[in-house]
């Protein structure tokens, strides 16, 4: 029985790793956020068995890259087996900004699930937006981002948006 491949967009969670000693396979994780709801977000383990694609995954991708992956899910057969996506094709939709000289930057944008946070080196306050650019608010410190997001999501759920 042939099944249609699954196509997902997500951000490369962390550095890729070889799946074997020779680097002919690769493993990585992507964060998939199909909606603005944090409860819909998932981190998905992915594997590549094609040696050419594995080489590209290991040498060309950096954390934060936005990827479109196509493949088939491998579902667990025992409680100890993981769920993972066997990737057959991969495309980079957006590359992550490269911070070659961290001292040259006074501000940084960072993803926080379906949100984008603006960290300015001159202040403790953190401006927060949704991925689509909707203003969420300003957290007085980085530690207060969770509280700001929780309040925003509660306002959104009560207003029906």
Protein backbone atom coordinates (compact mmCIF):
# COMPACT_ATOMS: atom_id res chain seq x y z
CA UNK A 1 0.00 0.00 0.00
CA UNK A 2 1.55 3.30 -1.13
CA UNK A 3 0.74 6.33 0.96
CA UNK A 4 1.15 9.94 -0.02
CA UNK A 5 4.20 11.66 1.48
CA UNK A 6 3.73 14.25 4.20
CA UNK A 7 4.98 17.81 3.61
CA UNK A 8 5.82 19.94 6.66
CA UNK A 9 7.43 23.33 7.21
CA UNK A 10 9.51 23.89 10.31
CA UNK A 11 12.60 25.42 11.80
CA UNK A 12 15.78 23.43 12.36
CA UNK A 13 15.82 23.00 16.12
CA UNK A 14 19.55 22.40 16.68
CA UNK A 15 22.66 21.24 14.85
CA UNK A 16 22.28 18.15 12.66
CA UNK A 17 24.06 14.91 13.60
CA UNK A 18 25.33 11.97 11.56
CA UNK A 19 23.17 8.87 11.73
CA UNK A 20 26.15 6.55 11.25
CA UNK A 21 29.96 6.58 11.46
CA UNK A 22 30.40 7.42 7.78
CA UNK A 23 27.93 10.32 7.59
CA UNK A 24 25.91 8.57 4.91
CA UNK A 25 22.76 9.18 6.98
CA UNK A 26 21.73 12.16 9.08
CA UNK A 27 19.36 13.03 11.89
CA UNK A 28 17.87 16.34 12.98
CA UNK A 29 14.84 17.87 14.67
CA UNK A 30 12.49 20.52 13.36
CA UNK A 31 9.99 22.63 15.24
CA UNK A 32 6.64 22.60 13.44
CA UNK A 33 4.13 25.35 14.36
CA UNK A 34 1.10 25.07 12.06
CA UNK A 35 -0.93 27.66 14.04
CA UNK A 36 -0.32 30.43 16.55
CA UNK A 37 -1.32 28.05 19.34
CA UNK A 38 1.64 26.78 21.37
CA UNK A 39 -0.27 23.57 22.06
CA UNK A 40 -0.16 22.78 18.31
CA UNK A 41 3.62 23.13 18.18
CA UNK A 42 5.77 20.00 18.08
CA UNK A 43 9.42 19.06 17.80
CA UNK A 44 9.71 16.32 15.20
CA UNK A 45 12.71 13.99 14.89
CA UNK A 46 13.73 13.48 11.25
CA UNK A 47 16.08 11.06 9.53
CA UNK A 48 17.73 11.02 6.10
CA UNK A 49 19.06 7.80 4.56
CA UNK A 50 20.00 9.10 1.09
CA UNK A 51 23.80 9.70 1.27
CA UNK A 52 23.74 12.79 -0.99
CA UNK A 53 20.91 14.42 0.94
CA UNK A 54 22.55 13.42 4.24
CA UNK A 55 25.76 15.18 3.18
CA UNK A 56 23.79 18.37 2.42
CA UNK A 57 21.93 18.13 5.75
CA UNK A 58 25.16 17.68 7.70
CA UNK A 59 27.17 20.40 5.95
CA UNK A 60 24.72 23.04 4.68
CA UNK A 61 22.08 23.49 7.38
CA UNK A 62 22.33 25.64 10.51
CA UNK A 63 19.96 25.92 13.48
CA UNK A 64 17.18 28.37 12.74
CA UNK A 65 16.89 27.56 9.02
CA UNK A 66 13.28 27.31 7.88
CA UNK A 67 12.85 24.01 6.06
CA UNK A 68 10.21 22.23 4.01
CA UNK A 69 10.57 18.48 4.49
CA UNK A 70 8.76 15.73 2.61
CA UNK A 71 8.67 12.12 3.77
CA UNK A 72 6.82 9.35 5.54
CA UNK A 73 6.18 8.87 9.24
CA UNK A 74 7.66 5.86 10.97
CA UNK A 75 5.31 4.98 13.78
CA UNK A 76 6.41 3.02 16.83
CA UNK A 77 5.82 -0.71 16.92
CA UNK A 78 6.85 -1.03 20.57
CA UNK A 79 6.74 1.45 23.47
CA UNK A 80 10.51 2.01 23.11
CA UNK A 81 10.38 3.00 19.41
CA UNK A 82 10.27 6.72 18.56
CA UNK A 83 8.02 8.45 16.03
CA UNK A 84 10.12 10.07 13.30
CA UNK A 85 9.86 11.36 9.76
CA UNK A 86 11.90 9.58 7.08
CA UNK A 87 12.81 12.59 4.92
CA UNK A 88 12.99 12.02 1.17
CA UNK A 89 13.28 15.66 0.06
CA UNK A 90 14.25 18.84 1.83
CA UNK A 91 14.25 22.49 0.77
CA UNK A 92 15.56 25.51 2.66
CA UNK A 93 12.85 28.18 2.58
CA UNK A 94 14.74 30.77 4.64
CA UNK A 95 18.25 30.69 6.00
CA UNK A 96 18.95 31.63 9.58
CA UNK A 97 20.90 34.86 10.03
CA UNK A 98 24.58 34.14 10.58
CA UNK A 99 26.09 35.86 13.59
CA UNK A 100 29.74 35.93 12.52
CA UNK A 101 30.68 38.65 15.00
CA UNK A 102 28.35 38.58 18.01
CA UNK A 103 29.96 41.76 19.37
CA UNK A 104 28.77 43.70 16.32
CA UNK A 105 25.09 43.17 17.15
CA UNK A 106 23.23 45.22 19.72
CA UNK A 107 19.89 43.45 19.22
CA UNK A 108 18.75 39.94 18.33
CA UNK A 109 15.47 38.48 17.03
CA UNK A 110 14.75 35.04 18.43
CA UNK A 111 11.90 32.59 17.76
CA UNK A 112 9.90 31.51 20.77
CA UNK A 113 7.49 28.96 19.31
CA UNK A 114 5.06 30.90 17.09
CA UNK A 115 6.37 34.20 18.51
CA UNK A 116 9.31 36.44 17.71
CA UNK A 117 11.17 38.18 20.52
CA UNK A 118 13.32 41.31 20.10
CA UNK A 119 16.18 41.34 22.60
CA UNK A 120 18.00 44.70 22.76
CA UNK A 121 21.39 44.77 24.49
CA UNK A 122 20.66 48.26 25.87
CA UNK A 123 17.64 47.18 27.95
CA UNK A 124 16.24 44.21 29.87
CA UNK A 125 12.81 44.64 28.24
CA UNK A 126 11.83 42.21 25.46
CA UNK A 127 9.38 43.20 22.70
CA UNK A 128 7.25 40.25 21.54
CA UNK A 129 5.28 39.78 18.29
CA UNK A 130 3.48 36.87 16.65
CA UNK A 131 5.09 35.38 13.52
CA UNK A 132 2.59 37.37 11.46
CA UNK A 133 3.68 40.66 13.08
CA UNK A 134 0.85 41.18 15.58
CA UNK A 135 2.10 43.07 18.62
CA UNK A 136 1.91 40.95 21.78
CA UNK A 137 3.55 43.30 24.27
CA UNK A 138 6.76 44.06 26.13
CA UNK A 139 8.08 41.77 28.84
CA UNK A 140 10.03 43.75 31.47
CA UNK A 141 12.69 41.01 31.58
CA UNK A 142 13.41 37.83 29.59
CA UNK A 143 12.12 35.81 32.56
CA UNK A 144 8.68 37.44 32.16
CA UNK A 145 8.12 36.33 28.52
CA UNK A 146 6.12 33.23 29.56
CA UNK A 147 3.74 35.35 31.66
CA UNK A 148 3.28 37.84 28.81
CA UNK A 149 2.51 35.05 26.32
CA UNK A 150 0.10 33.35 28.70
CA UNK A 151 -1.81 36.61 29.22
CA UNK A 152 -1.87 37.27 25.46
CA UNK A 153 -3.17 33.77 24.69
CA UNK A 154 -5.88 34.10 27.35
CA UNK A 155 -6.97 37.44 25.83
CA UNK A 156 -7.05 35.82 22.38
CA UNK A 157 -9.12 32.85 23.55
CA UNK A 158 -11.67 35.04 25.36
CA UNK A 159 -12.03 37.42 22.41
CA UNK A 160 -12.54 34.49 20.00
CA UNK A 161 -9.62 35.46 17.76
